[in-house]
Amino acid sequence: MIKGIGIDAVELSRIRKIITDKPQFASRVLTPKELAIFQQLPFKRQVEFLGGRYACKEAFSKAWGTGIGKVTFQELEILPDELGAPKMTASPYIGQVFVSITHTDETAFAQILLAE
């Protein structure tokens, strides 16, 4: 049974500017494990990675019905599974969390589905 669904989109030009102007933003949004992956990527992939994780965490908060604030960025972790697909590895939700992240040159999109 579906318990919640959320979607979010992030402009990558905004993320690119944030990474350049406020590099501490990445450590605010990303968990230590996510940050370790982020730091190994070339700049273009960093922008996509951070944009996708930010959108994913916002989408989760919408699916959960709370918005960011009741759940923090650090409570949510999305890591690649054995095939490289994004997988929610930490969240306050007890149940299945399905994750989808995609991006174009300008926008990152994420969708979360919460199920029993």
Protein backbone atom coordinates (compact mmCIF):
# COMPACT_ATOMS: atom_id res chain seq x y z
CA MET A 1 0.00 0.00 0.00
CA ILE A 2 1.27 3.47 -0.89
CA LYS A 3 1.69 5.71 2.15
CA GLY A 4 3.11 8.79 0.46
CA ILE A 5 4.55 10.20 -2.71
CA GLY A 6 6.75 13.24 -3.20
CA ILE A 7 8.50 14.93 -6.08
CA ASP A 8 10.94 17.82 -6.29
CA ALA A 9 12.97 19.66 -8.93
CA VAL A 10 16.12 21.73 -8.45
CA GLU A 11 17.75 24.15 -10.87
CA LEU A 12 21.35 23.04 -11.34
CA SER A 13 22.53 26.60 -12.02
CA ARG A 14 21.50 27.39 -8.43
CA ILE A 15 23.42 24.37 -7.10
CA ARG A 16 26.47 25.30 -9.19
CA LYS A 17 26.47 28.80 -7.66
CA ILE A 18 25.97 27.45 -4.13
CA ILE A 19 28.88 25.01 -4.45
CA THR A 20 31.11 27.87 -5.64
CA ASP A 21 29.92 30.56 -3.20
CA LYS A 22 29.05 28.46 -0.12
CA PRO A 23 31.01 25.19 -0.20
CA GLN A 24 29.84 24.33 3.35
CA PHE A 25 26.31 23.85 1.93
CA ALA A 26 27.26 20.37 0.68
CA SER A 27 28.13 19.19 4.20
CA ARG A 28 24.85 20.62 5.49
CA VAL A 29 22.79 18.64 2.97
CA LEU A 30 24.88 15.49 2.55
CA THR A 31 25.61 12.86 5.20
CA PRO A 32 29.28 11.96 5.74
CA LYS A 33 28.96 8.90 3.43
CA GLU A 34 27.25 10.98 0.71
CA LEU A 35 29.86 13.72 1.13
CA ALA A 36 32.68 11.20 0.65
CA ILE A 37 31.18 10.23 -2.73
CA PHE A 38 30.55 13.88 -3.66
CA GLN A 39 34.18 14.85 -2.97
CA GLN A 40 35.47 12.18 -5.38
CA LEU A 41 33.45 13.52 -8.32
CA PRO A 42 34.45 16.06 -10.98
CA PHE A 43 32.70 19.43 -10.60
CA LYS A 44 29.94 18.77 -13.18
CA ARG A 45 29.01 15.50 -11.44
CA GLN A 46 29.19 17.21 -8.02
CA VAL A 47 26.53 19.65 -9.20
CA GLU A 48 24.31 16.80 -10.44
CA PHE A 49 24.92 14.69 -7.33
CA LEU A 50 24.19 17.47 -4.84
CA GLY A 51 21.18 18.67 -6.85
CA GLY A 52 19.78 15.16 -7.05
CA ARG A 53 20.29 14.42 -3.34
CA TYR A 54 18.80 17.79 -2.36
CA ALA A 55 15.74 17.15 -4.56
CA CYS A 56 15.45 13.62 -3.19
CA LYS A 57 15.48 14.76 0.43
CA GLU A 58 12.90 17.46 -0.31
CA ALA A 59 10.74 14.87 -2.12
CA PHE A 60 10.99 12.54 0.89
CA SER A 61 9.84 15.29 3.25
CA LYS A 62 6.83 15.90 0.98
CA ALA A 63 6.00 12.19 0.78
CA TRP A 64 6.29 11.92 4.55
CA GLY A 65 4.03 14.97 4.89
CA THR A 66 6.28 17.07 7.09
CA GLY A 67 8.55 19.19 4.93
CA ILE A 68 12.19 19.79 5.78
CA GLY A 69 12.41 20.97 9.36
CA LYS A 70 10.50 18.10 10.99
CA VAL A 71 13.01 15.82 9.27
CA THR A 72 16.56 17.02 8.66
CA PHE A 73 18.85 16.53 5.69
CA GLN A 74 21.20 14.54 7.93
CA GLU A 75 18.44 12.05 8.84
CA LEU A 76 18.07 11.13 5.16
CA GLU A 77 20.75 9.26 3.25
CA ILE A 78 20.72 8.11 -0.38
CA LEU A 79 23.60 5.90 -1.47
CA PRO A 80 24.12 3.85 -4.62
CA ASP A 81 23.13 0.18 -4.42
CA GLU A 82 25.29 -2.61 -5.85
CA LEU A 83 24.21 -1.64 -9.39
CA GLY A 84 24.65 2.10 -8.84
CA ALA A 85 20.96 2.97 -8.48
CA PRO A 86 20.03 5.41 -5.70
CA LYS A 87 18.72 3.74 -2.55
CA MET A 88 17.45 5.34 0.67
CA THR A 89 19.77 3.91 3.32
CA ALA A 90 18.60 6.06 6.24
CA SER A 91 15.30 7.75 7.05
CA PRO A 92 12.81 7.95 9.91
CA TYR A 93 10.23 6.04 7.82
CA ILE A 94 9.66 2.41 8.74
CA GLY A 95 8.70 0.69 5.50
CA GLN A 96 9.85 0.62 1.91
CA VAL A 97 11.21 3.76 0.27
CA PHE A 98 11.47 3.82 -3.52
CA VAL A 99 13.79 6.45 -5.01
CA SER A 100 14.14 7.85 -8.50
CA ILE A 101 16.57 10.63 -9.45
CA THR A 102 17.19 12.05 -12.91
CA HIS A 103 18.59 15.24 -14.37
CA THR A 104 18.95 17.27 -17.52
CA ASP A 105 21.67 19.85 -18.12
CA GLU A 106 19.53 22.40 -16.25
CA THR A 107 17.43 20.53 -13.66
CA ALA A 108 17.61 17.63 -11.22
CA PHE A 109 14.37 15.79 -10.44
CA ALA A 110 13.62 13.29 -7.69
CA GLN A 111 10.60 11.20 -6.78
CA ILE A 112 10.00 9.24 -3.58
CA LEU A 113 7.36 6.63 -2.98
CA LEU A 114 6.69 5.40 0.56
CA ALA A 115 5.06 1.98 0.83
CA GLU A 116 4.25 -0.54 3.53
